[in-house]
N, C-alpha and C. Protein backbone atom coordinates (compact mmCIF):
# COMPACT_ATOMS: atom_id res chain seq x y z
N MET A 1 32.61 -6.73 -17.36
CA MET A 1 31.71 -6.25 -16.30
C MET A 1 30.26 -6.45 -16.76
N THR A 2 29.42 -6.96 -15.88
CA THR A 2 28.01 -7.15 -16.23
C THR A 2 27.28 -5.80 -16.17
N GLN A 3 26.22 -5.73 -16.94
CA GLN A 3 25.42 -4.51 -16.95
C GLN A 3 24.65 -4.41 -15.65
N LEU A 4 24.65 -3.24 -15.07
CA LEU A 4 23.93 -3.01 -13.84
C LEU A 4 22.43 -3.01 -14.07
N ASN A 5 21.72 -3.85 -13.35
CA ASN A 5 20.28 -3.84 -13.38
C ASN A 5 19.75 -3.85 -11.95
N ALA A 6 18.45 -3.86 -11.78
CA ALA A 6 17.87 -3.79 -10.44
C ALA A 6 18.29 -4.96 -9.59
N GLN A 7 18.40 -6.14 -10.19
CA GLN A 7 18.78 -7.33 -9.44
C GLN A 7 20.21 -7.20 -8.91
N ALA A 8 21.12 -6.70 -9.71
CA ALA A 8 22.49 -6.52 -9.29
C ALA A 8 22.59 -5.39 -8.25
N LEU A 9 21.82 -4.36 -8.45
CA LEU A 9 21.81 -3.23 -7.51
C LEU A 9 21.34 -3.66 -6.13
N MET A 10 20.29 -4.45 -6.08
CA MET A 10 19.74 -4.90 -4.80
C MET A 10 20.63 -5.92 -4.12
N ALA A 11 21.54 -6.53 -4.85
CA ALA A 11 22.46 -7.50 -4.25
C ALA A 11 23.65 -6.82 -3.57
N MET A 12 23.83 -5.51 -3.81
CA MET A 12 24.92 -4.78 -3.20
C MET A 12 24.64 -4.51 -1.73
N PRO A 13 25.71 -4.35 -0.94
CA PRO A 13 25.50 -3.84 0.43
C PRO A 13 24.83 -2.47 0.37
N TYR A 14 24.05 -2.15 1.39
CA TYR A 14 23.25 -0.92 1.38
C TYR A 14 24.08 0.33 1.08
N GLU A 15 25.19 0.50 1.77
CA GLU A 15 26.02 1.71 1.58
C GLU A 15 26.52 1.83 0.15
N GLN A 16 26.94 0.69 -0.42
CA GLN A 16 27.45 0.68 -1.78
C GLN A 16 26.30 0.98 -2.77
N MET A 17 25.13 0.44 -2.52
CA MET A 17 23.99 0.69 -3.37
C MET A 17 23.61 2.18 -3.37
N VAL A 18 23.58 2.80 -2.19
CA VAL A 18 23.28 4.24 -2.09
C VAL A 18 24.31 5.06 -2.81
N ALA A 19 25.58 4.73 -2.61
CA ALA A 19 26.65 5.48 -3.31
C ALA A 19 26.54 5.32 -4.81
N CYS A 20 26.19 4.16 -5.26
CA CYS A 20 26.04 3.89 -6.70
C CYS A 20 24.89 4.75 -7.28
N VAL A 21 23.76 4.76 -6.63
CA VAL A 21 22.61 5.51 -7.12
C VAL A 21 22.91 7.02 -7.07
N LYS A 22 23.58 7.49 -6.04
CA LYS A 22 23.91 8.92 -5.93
C LYS A 22 24.87 9.35 -7.05
N SER A 23 25.64 8.44 -7.59
CA SER A 23 26.61 8.77 -8.65
C SER A 23 25.99 8.84 -10.04
N TRP A 24 24.72 8.42 -10.19
CA TRP A 24 24.08 8.39 -11.48
C TRP A 24 23.85 9.79 -12.01
N ASN A 25 24.01 9.92 -13.32
CA ASN A 25 23.67 11.17 -14.00
C ASN A 25 22.21 11.07 -14.51
N ARG A 26 21.74 12.10 -15.17
CA ARG A 26 20.35 12.14 -15.64
C ARG A 26 20.06 10.97 -16.62
N HIS A 27 21.00 10.69 -17.50
CA HIS A 27 20.81 9.60 -18.47
C HIS A 27 20.61 8.26 -17.73
N LYS A 28 21.45 7.98 -16.75
CA LYS A 28 21.33 6.72 -16.02
C LYS A 28 20.03 6.65 -15.23
N MET A 29 19.56 7.80 -14.69
CA MET A 29 18.30 7.82 -13.96
C MET A 29 17.15 7.47 -14.90
N GLU A 30 17.16 8.05 -16.11
CA GLU A 30 16.11 7.74 -17.07
C GLU A 30 16.20 6.30 -17.54
N GLU A 31 17.41 5.79 -17.70
CA GLU A 31 17.64 4.41 -18.09
C GLU A 31 17.07 3.45 -17.05
N SER A 32 17.10 3.85 -15.79
CA SER A 32 16.62 2.97 -14.71
C SER A 32 15.11 2.85 -14.70
N ARG A 33 14.41 3.64 -15.49
CA ARG A 33 12.96 3.53 -15.58
C ARG A 33 12.53 2.55 -16.67
N SER A 34 13.46 1.99 -17.40
CA SER A 34 13.11 1.10 -18.52
C SER A 34 13.01 -0.36 -18.09
N TRP A 35 12.40 -1.16 -18.92
CA TRP A 35 12.29 -2.58 -18.69
C TRP A 35 13.66 -3.26 -18.64
N ARG A 36 14.59 -2.79 -19.44
CA ARG A 36 15.92 -3.41 -19.48
C ARG A 36 16.59 -3.34 -18.12
N PHE A 37 16.28 -2.35 -17.33
CA PHE A 37 16.87 -2.20 -15.98
C PHE A 37 16.16 -3.14 -14.97
N TRP A 38 14.85 -3.23 -15.07
CA TRP A 38 14.07 -3.96 -14.07
C TRP A 38 13.92 -5.46 -14.34
N ARG A 39 14.19 -5.91 -15.56
CA ARG A 39 14.02 -7.35 -15.86
C ARG A 39 15.03 -8.18 -15.06
N ARG A 40 14.61 -9.42 -14.80
CA ARG A 40 15.53 -10.34 -14.13
C ARG A 40 16.52 -10.87 -15.15
N ASN A 41 17.56 -11.50 -14.67
CA ASN A 41 18.59 -12.03 -15.59
C ASN A 41 18.06 -13.12 -16.50
N ASP A 42 16.95 -13.79 -16.15
CA ASP A 42 16.41 -14.82 -17.01
C ASP A 42 15.31 -14.31 -17.93
N GLN A 43 15.15 -12.98 -18.03
CA GLN A 43 14.09 -12.40 -18.85
C GLN A 43 14.64 -11.64 -20.07
N PHE A 44 15.80 -11.96 -20.54
CA PHE A 44 16.33 -11.29 -21.72
C PHE A 44 15.61 -11.80 -22.96
N GLU A 45 15.46 -10.91 -23.93
CA GLU A 45 14.81 -11.30 -25.18
C GLU A 45 15.70 -12.23 -25.97
N PRO A 46 15.14 -13.12 -26.76
CA PRO A 46 15.97 -14.02 -27.56
C PRO A 46 16.67 -13.27 -28.69
N GLU A 47 17.74 -13.86 -29.20
CA GLU A 47 18.48 -13.29 -30.31
C GLU A 47 17.61 -13.24 -31.56
N GLY A 48 17.85 -12.31 -32.43
CA GLY A 48 17.16 -12.24 -33.71
C GLY A 48 16.26 -11.02 -33.81
N ASP A 49 15.70 -10.82 -34.99
CA ASP A 49 14.82 -9.70 -35.26
C ASP A 49 13.37 -10.20 -35.20
N TRP A 50 12.75 -10.07 -34.05
CA TRP A 50 11.41 -10.59 -33.83
C TRP A 50 10.34 -9.57 -34.18
N ARG A 51 9.28 -10.04 -34.85
CA ARG A 51 8.15 -9.16 -35.21
C ARG A 51 6.91 -9.52 -34.39
N THR A 52 6.85 -10.71 -33.84
CA THR A 52 5.67 -11.15 -33.09
C THR A 52 6.09 -11.58 -31.71
N TRP A 53 5.33 -11.12 -30.72
CA TRP A 53 5.59 -11.46 -29.32
C TRP A 53 4.33 -12.01 -28.69
N LEU A 54 4.45 -12.96 -27.81
CA LEU A 54 3.33 -13.46 -27.03
C LEU A 54 3.56 -13.01 -25.62
N VAL A 55 2.65 -12.20 -25.07
CA VAL A 55 2.78 -11.71 -23.71
C VAL A 55 1.81 -12.49 -22.84
N MET A 56 2.35 -13.34 -21.98
CA MET A 56 1.55 -14.11 -21.06
C MET A 56 1.75 -13.53 -19.67
N ALA A 57 0.70 -12.86 -19.17
CA ALA A 57 0.82 -12.20 -17.88
C ALA A 57 -0.58 -12.12 -17.23
N GLY A 58 -0.57 -11.82 -15.96
CA GLY A 58 -1.82 -11.76 -15.22
C GLY A 58 -2.54 -10.42 -15.36
N ARG A 59 -3.54 -10.23 -14.57
CA ARG A 59 -4.33 -8.99 -14.60
C ARG A 59 -3.51 -7.82 -14.11
N GLY A 60 -3.77 -6.68 -14.72
CA GLY A 60 -3.15 -5.44 -14.25
C GLY A 60 -1.68 -5.29 -14.61
N ILE A 61 -1.20 -5.98 -15.60
CA ILE A 61 0.21 -5.93 -15.95
C ILE A 61 0.45 -5.08 -17.19
N ALA A 62 -0.57 -4.36 -17.66
CA ALA A 62 -0.46 -3.44 -18.81
C ALA A 62 -0.14 -4.17 -20.10
N LYS A 63 -0.91 -5.18 -20.45
CA LYS A 63 -0.69 -5.93 -21.67
C LYS A 63 -1.31 -5.24 -22.87
N THR A 64 -2.16 -4.24 -22.68
CA THR A 64 -2.90 -3.61 -23.75
C THR A 64 -1.98 -3.03 -24.81
N ARG A 65 -0.98 -2.27 -24.40
CA ARG A 65 -0.04 -1.67 -25.35
C ARG A 65 1.40 -1.87 -24.89
N PRO A 66 1.92 -3.05 -25.06
CA PRO A 66 3.30 -3.27 -24.64
C PRO A 66 4.27 -2.53 -25.58
N VAL A 67 5.32 -1.98 -24.99
CA VAL A 67 6.34 -1.27 -25.75
C VAL A 67 7.65 -1.96 -25.46
N PHE A 68 8.27 -2.50 -26.48
CA PHE A 68 9.55 -3.18 -26.33
C PHE A 68 10.63 -2.27 -26.94
N VAL A 69 11.58 -1.91 -26.14
CA VAL A 69 12.64 -1.01 -26.58
C VAL A 69 13.91 -1.79 -26.80
């Protein structure tokens, strides 16, 4: 089973999406606020232990203090 993220959630029929969100516990609700939930399927980090990241983004995207979890 694939991990549920925003992209998968929005692909569900409306009734199924509402039922899914209503079934979430507090942990899942907090998890849905993280980048791992909102990233697209092509935005996964590469394998390995990375120490340096290049953030290329436009204005207003909060590049000042990125936090990678």
